[in-house]
C-alpha atoms as a PDB file:
ATOM      1  CA  MET A   1     175.036 144.374 165.791  1.00  0.00           C
ATOM      2  CA  ARG A   2     175.946 140.751 166.439  1.00  0.00           C
ATOM      3  CA  VAL A   3     173.059 140.458 168.933  1.00  0.00           C
ATOM      4  CA  TYR A   4     170.564 141.545 166.236  1.00  0.00           C
ATOM      5  CA  ARG A   5     171.881 138.877 163.852  1.00  0.00           C
ATOM      6  CA  ILE A   6     171.501 136.212 166.504  1.00  0.00           C
ATOM      7  CA  ILE A   7     167.956 137.373 167.272  1.00  0.00           C
ATOM      8  CA  LEU A   8     167.067 137.339 163.556  1.00  0.00           C
ATOM      9  CA  ILE A   9     168.539 133.868 163.126  1.00  0.00           C
ATOM     10  CA  LEU A  10     166.635 132.572 166.162  1.00  0.00           C
ATOM     11  CA  LEU A  11     163.412 134.162 164.905  1.00  0.00           C
ATOM     12  CA  PHE A  12     163.905 132.600 161.473  1.00  0.00           C
ATOM     13  CA  ILE A  13     164.595 129.165 162.993  1.00  0.00           C
ATOM     14  CA  SER A  14     161.505 129.405 165.226  1.00  0.00           C
ATOM     15  CA  LEU A  15     159.353 130.251 162.189  1.00  0.00           C
ATOM     16  CA  ILE A  16     160.701 127.214 160.356  1.00  0.00           C
ATOM     17  CA  ILE A  17     160.147 124.915 163.327  1.00  0.00           C
ATOM     18  CA  CYS A  18     156.733 126.240 164.329  1.00  0.00           C
ATOM     19  CA  GLY A  19     155.441 126.998 160.859  1.00  0.00           C
ATOM     20  CA  CYS A  20     153.020 129.755 160.094  1.00  0.00           C
ATOM     21  CA  LYS A  21     149.828 128.632 161.772  1.00  0.00           C
ATOM     22  CA  SER A  22     146.719 130.729 161.420  1.00  0.00           C
ATOM     23  CA  GLU A  23     145.282 132.494 164.444  1.00  0.00           C
ATOM     24  CA  THR A  24     141.659 131.928 163.369  1.00  0.00           C
ATOM     25  CA  ILE A  25     139.810 129.201 161.512  1.00  0.00           C
ATOM     26  CA  GLU A  26     138.591 131.724 158.927  1.00  0.00           C
ATOM     27  CA  GLU A  27     142.135 132.978 158.300  1.00  0.00           C
ATOM     28  CA  GLU A  28     143.300 129.408 157.673  1.00  0.00           C
ATOM     29  CA  PHE A  29     140.410 128.767 155.290  1.00  0.00           C
ATOM     30  CA  TYR A  30     141.018 131.880 153.195  1.00  0.00           C
ATOM     31  CA  LYS A  31     144.796 131.217 153.018  1.00  0.00           C
ATOM     32  CA  THR A  32     144.080 128.216 150.805  1.00  0.00           C
ATOM     33  CA  HIS A  33     140.662 129.069 149.335  1.00  0.00           C
ATOM     34  CA  LYS A  34     141.387 132.124 147.226  1.00  0.00           C
ATOM     35  CA  LYS A  35     139.151 131.443 144.233  1.00  0.00           C
ATOM     36  CA  LYS A  36     136.656 134.250 143.624  1.00  0.00           C
ATOM     37  CA  GLY A  37     133.238 133.286 144.953  1.00  0.00           C
ATOM     38  CA  GLN A  38     134.436 130.891 147.653  1.00  0.00           C
ATOM     39  CA  GLU A  39     132.469 131.941 150.682  1.00  0.00           C
ATOM     40  CA  ILE A  40     131.991 130.456 154.144  1.00  0.00           C
ATOM     41  CA  ILE A  41     128.287 129.672 154.550  1.00  0.00           C
ATOM     42  CA  TYR A  42     128.425 127.697 157.799  1.00  0.00           C
ATOM     43  CA  GLN A  43     131.016 127.040 160.462  1.00  0.00           C
ATOM     44  CA  GLY A  44     130.577 124.243 162.977  1.00  0.00           C
ATOM     45  CA  SER A  45     132.278 121.592 165.040  1.00  0.00           C
ATOM     46  CA  VAL A  46     131.891 117.833 165.465  1.00  0.00           C
ATOM     47  CA  MET A  47     133.569 116.120 168.411  1.00  0.00           C
ATOM     48  CA  LYS A  48     135.624 119.292 169.016  1.00  0.00           C
ATOM     49  CA  ARG A  49     136.833 119.228 165.393  1.00  0.00           C
ATOM     50  CA  PRO A  50     136.020 122.469 163.532  1.00  0.00           C
ATOM     51  CA  PHE A  51     134.783 122.434 159.963  1.00  0.00           C
ATOM     52  CA  ILE A  52     133.527 124.889 157.386  1.00  0.00           C
ATOM     53  CA  LEU A  53     130.860 124.406 154.739  1.00  0.00           C
ATOM     54  CA  TYR A  54     131.514 126.772 151.878  1.00  0.00           C
ATOM     55  CA  LYS A  55     130.035 127.898 148.589  1.00  0.00           C
ATOM     56  CA  ALA A  56     132.331 126.537 145.884  1.00  0.00           C
ATOM     57  CA  PRO A  57     132.390 127.999 142.364  1.00  0.00           C
ATOM     58  CA  PHE A  58     133.147 125.651 139.476  1.00  0.00           C
ATOM     59  CA  ASP A  59     134.610 126.545 136.080  1.00  0.00           C
ATOM     60  CA  ASN A  60     131.264 125.903 134.330  1.00  0.00           C
ATOM     61  CA  GLY A  61     129.658 128.746 136.323  1.00  0.00           C
ATOM     62  CA  ASN A  62     127.784 126.514 138.774  1.00  0.00           C
ATOM     63  CA  PHE A  63     128.181 126.660 142.532  1.00  0.00           C
ATOM     64  CA  GLY A  64     128.588 123.557 144.651  1.00  0.00           C
ATOM     65  CA  ILE A  65     129.247 122.955 148.288  1.00  0.00           C
ATOM     66  CA  GLY A  66     132.614 122.324 149.856  1.00  0.00           C
ATOM     67  CA  LEU A  67     133.840 121.047 153.184  1.00  0.00           C
ATOM     68  CA  ALA A  68     137.047 122.200 154.862  1.00  0.00           C
ATOM     69  CA  VAL A  69     138.125 120.291 157.975  1.00  0.00           C
ATOM     70  CA  ILE A  70     140.439 122.167 160.330  1.00  0.00           C
ATOM     71  CA  GLU A  71     142.680 120.917 163.122  1.00  0.00           C
ATOM     72  CA  GLY A  72     144.450 122.687 165.954  1.00  0.00           C
ATOM     73  CA  ASP A  73     143.371 125.046 168.716  1.00  0.00           C
ATOM     74  CA  GLU A  74     143.555 128.684 169.723  1.00  0.00           C
ATOM     75  CA  ALA A  75     146.848 128.198 171.589  1.00  0.00           C
ATOM     76  CA  THR A  76     148.822 126.512 168.801  1.00  0.00           C
ATOM     77  CA  GLY A  77     146.965 127.847 165.775  1.00  0.00           C
ATOM     78  CA  TRP A  78     144.813 126.296 163.052  1.00  0.00           C
ATOM     79  CA  LYS A  79     145.760 124.155 160.063  1.00  0.00           C
ATOM     80  CA  LEU A  80     143.664 122.897 157.160  1.00  0.00           C
ATOM     81  CA  SER A  81     143.369 119.110 157.404  1.00  0.00           C
ATOM     82  CA  SER A  82     141.330 118.413 154.262  1.00  0.00           C
ATOM     83  CA  SER A  83     139.063 120.140 151.781  1.00  0.00           C
ATOM     84  CA  ASN A  84     136.914 119.080 148.855  1.00  0.00           C
ATOM     85  CA  ALA A  85     133.928 120.400 146.918  1.00  0.00           C
ATOM     86  CA  MET A  86     131.196 118.879 144.771  1.00  0.00           C
ATOM     87  CA  TYR A  87     128.393 120.048 142.516  1.00  0.00           C
ATOM     88  CA  ASN A  88     125.350 118.490 140.902  1.00  0.00           C
ATOM     89  CA  ASP A  89     121.893 119.809 140.187  1.00  0.00           C
ATOM     90  CA  ALA A  90     119.987 117.064 142.004  1.00  0.00           C
ATOM     91  CA  LYS A  91     117.285 117.775 144.574  1.00  0.00           C
ATOM     92  CA  LEU A  92     119.684 116.606 147.282  1.00  0.00           C
ATOM     93  CA  LEU A  93     123.464 116.807 146.961  1.00  0.00           C
ATOM     94  CA  ILE A  94     125.255 114.255 149.133  1.00  0.00           C
ATOM     95  CA  ASP A  95     128.983 114.112 149.790  1.00  0.00           C
ATOM     96  CA  GLN A  96     131.122 112.638 152.534  1.00  0.00           C
ATOM     97  CA  SER A  97     134.541 113.086 154.027  1.00  0.00           C
ATOM     98  CA  GLY A  98     136.323 110.661 156.333  1.00  0.00           C
ATOM     99  CA  ILE A  99     137.945 112.150 159.415  1.00  0.00           C
ATOM    100  CA  ASN A 100     140.285 110.413 161.834  1.00  0.00           C
ATOM    101  CA  PHE A 101     139.697 111.498 165.413  1.00  0.00           C
ATOM    102  CA  LYS A 102     141.938 111.399 168.482  1.00  0.00           C
ATOM    103  CA  ASP A 103     140.227 108.190 169.658  1.00  0.00           C
ATOM    104  CA  ASN A 104     141.613 106.480 166.481  1.00  0.00           C
ATOM    105  CA  VAL A 105     138.113 106.017 165.064  1.00  0.00           C
ATOM    106  CA  ARG A 106     137.385 107.074 161.485  1.00  0.00           C
ATOM    107  CA  ARG A 107     134.033 108.775 161.179  1.00  0.00           C
ATOM    108  CA  TYR A 108     132.361 110.286 158.137  1.00  0.00           C
ATOM    109  CA  LEU A 109     130.951 113.771 157.916  1.00  0.00           C
ATOM    110  CA  ILE A 110     127.990 113.460 155.557  1.00  0.00           C
ATOM    111  CA  TYR A 111     126.995 116.836 154.140  1.00  0.00           C
ATOM    112  CA  GLY A 112     125.437 118.597 151.191  1.00  0.00           C
ATOM    113  CA  PHE A 113     122.764 121.016 150.134  1.00  0.00           C
ATOM    114  CA  ILE A 114     119.023 120.666 149.621  1.00  0.00           C
ATOM    115  CA  ASN A 115     117.318 121.896 146.428  1.00  0.00           C
ATOM    116  CA  ASP A 116     113.928 120.355 147.206  1.00  0.00           C
ATOM    117  CA  PRO A 117     111.662 122.514 149.408  1.00  0.00           C
ATOM    118  CA  GLU A 118     109.699 119.406 150.466  1.00  0.00           C
ATOM    119  CA  ILE A 119     112.691 117.833 152.241  1.00  0.00           C
ATOM    120  CA  ASN A 120     112.508 118.766 155.906  1.00  0.00           C
ATOM    121  CA  LYS A 121     114.360 115.911 157.655  1.00  0.00           C
ATOM    122  CA  ILE A 122     117.410 113.822 156.790  1.00  0.00           C
ATOM    123  CA  GLU A 123     118.421 110.701 158.678  1.00  0.00           C
ATOM    124  CA  ILE A 124     121.713 108.851 158.365  1.00  0.00           C
ATOM    125  CA  VAL A 125     122.076 105.268 159.590  1.00  0.00           C
ATOM    126  CA  ASP A 126     125.402 104.342 161.160  1.00  0.00           C
ATOM    127  CA  LYS A 127     127.181 100.967 161.066  1.00  0.00           C
ATOM    128  CA  ASN A 128     125.309  99.860 164.229  1.00  0.00           C
ATOM    129  CA  ASN A 129     121.910 100.694 162.671  1.00  0.00           C
ATOM    130  CA  GLN A 130     121.486 103.749 164.907  1.00  0.00           C
ATOM    131  CA  VAL A 131     119.674 106.627 163.251  1.00  0.00           C
ATOM    132  CA  ILE A 132     121.369 110.026 163.385  1.00  0.00           C
ATOM    133  CA  GLU A 133     119.285 113.023 162.366  1.00  0.00           C
ATOM    134  CA  ALA A 134     121.298 115.438 160.241  1.00  0.00           C
ATOM    135  CA  ASN A 135     121.494 119.097 161.174  1.00  0.00           C
ATOM    136  CA  ILE A 136     119.724 121.228 158.560  1.00  0.00           C
ATOM    137  CA  ILE A 137     120.740 124.879 158.417  1.00  0.00           C
ATOM    138  CA  GLN A 138     119.207 127.687 156.369  1.00  0.00           C
ATOM    139  CA  THR A 139     122.074 129.814 155.053  1.00  0.00           C
ATOM    140  CA  ASN A 140     122.035 132.995 152.993  1.00  0.00           C
ATOM    141  CA  TRP A 141     122.597 130.738 149.963  1.00  0.00           C
ATOM    142  CA  LYS A 142     120.755 127.398 150.337  1.00  0.00           C
ATOM    143  CA  ARG A 143     119.712 124.948 152.994  1.00  0.00           C
ATOM    144  CA  VAL A 144     122.680 122.780 153.917  1.00  0.00           C
ATOM    145  CA  TYR A 145     122.962 119.764 156.184  1.00  0.00           C
ATOM    146  CA  TYR A 146     125.553 117.633 157.939  1.00  0.00           C
ATOM    147  CA  GLY A 147     125.796 114.624 160.217  1.00  0.00           C
ATOM    148  CA  LEU A 148     128.682 112.597 161.653  1.00  0.00           C
ATOM    149  CA  VAL A 149     128.556 108.790 161.618  1.00  0.00           C
ATOM    150  CA  GLU A 150     130.682 105.682 161.753  1.00  0.00           C
ATOM    151  CA  MET A 151     129.703 103.659 158.709  1.00  0.00           C
ATOM    152  CA  ASN A 152     130.601 100.867 156.349  1.00  0.00           C
ATOM    153  CA  GLU A 153     128.262 102.112 153.613  1.00  0.00           C
ATOM    154  CA  LEU A 154     126.225 105.260 153.190  1.00  0.00           C
ATOM    155  CA  ARG A 155     122.586 104.842 154.244  1.00  0.00           C
ATOM    156  CA  LEU A 156     120.499 107.995 154.195  1.00  0.00           C
ATOM    157  CA  ASN A 157     116.806 108.883 154.015  1.00  0.00           C
ATOM    158  CA  ALA A 158     115.282 112.293 153.266  1.00  0.00           C
ATOM    159  CA  TYR A 159     111.708 112.898 154.447  1.00  0.00           C
ATOM    160  CA  ASN A 160     108.942 115.430 153.877  1.00  0.00           C
ATOM    161  CA  LYS A 161     106.898 116.972 156.703  1.00  0.00           C
ATOM    162  CA  ASN A 162     104.544 113.934 156.684  1.00  0.00           C
ATOM    163  CA  ASN A 163     107.483 111.550 157.270  1.00  0.00           C
ATOM    164  CA  LYS A 164     107.220 110.155 153.741  1.00  0.00           C
ATOM    165  CA  ILE A 165     110.587 109.114 152.287  1.00  0.00           C
ATOM    166  CA  LEU A 166     111.370 111.332 149.305  1.00  0.00           C
ATOM    167  CA  PHE A 167     114.907 110.118 148.688  1.00  0.00           C
ATOM    168  CA  GLU A 168     117.012 107.219 149.944  1.00  0.00           C
ATOM    169  CA  VAL A 169     120.552 105.901 149.635  1.00  0.00           C
ATOM    170  CA  PRO A 170     121.000 103.166 148.662  1.00  0.00           C
ATOM    171  CA  TYR A 171     118.034 103.528 146.310  1.00  0.00           C
ATOM    172  CA  LYS A 172     115.272 100.973 146.886  1.00  0.00           C
ATOM    173  CA  SER A 173     112.666 100.285 144.254  1.00  0.00           C
ATOM    174  CA  LYS A 174     109.070 100.766 145.433  1.00  0.00           C
ATOM    175  CA  ASN A 175     107.907  97.808 143.276  1.00  0.00           C
END
């Protein structure tokens, strides 16, 4: 009987020390994202750091896009690092989330969704003026995109199939 108590105490202490880490990235996401309508629409990785783009319902009935950044690995389990969601009804929704990586460099995951069928390419300019082409993915909901950059300020261009700029940040007047 005493042996069982000791085993239970040791098990309880190990749970406290180790915490309850999720075995899968999806399990970790759904532990904290329980609102009806939250749905994973894309799962990816940047610099070995997993992330999830998800459909995010808002109280006004609209759906936006959210980003959940995960840390950990299969051996130690997964833990939600950060999560946020945004909505607007623009032709191109743009949001960003800063992520600190193991090399002590803060990079920004630029992401959003595309409501304009003419947009077929998005480029993000990093702090060294290098152009990074965003990944555009067709999901079962909308087209979404993401790109990882080091930056001081957001600089982004969205193009049509003829390479004409349809949208730019910061906005530049054509006059």
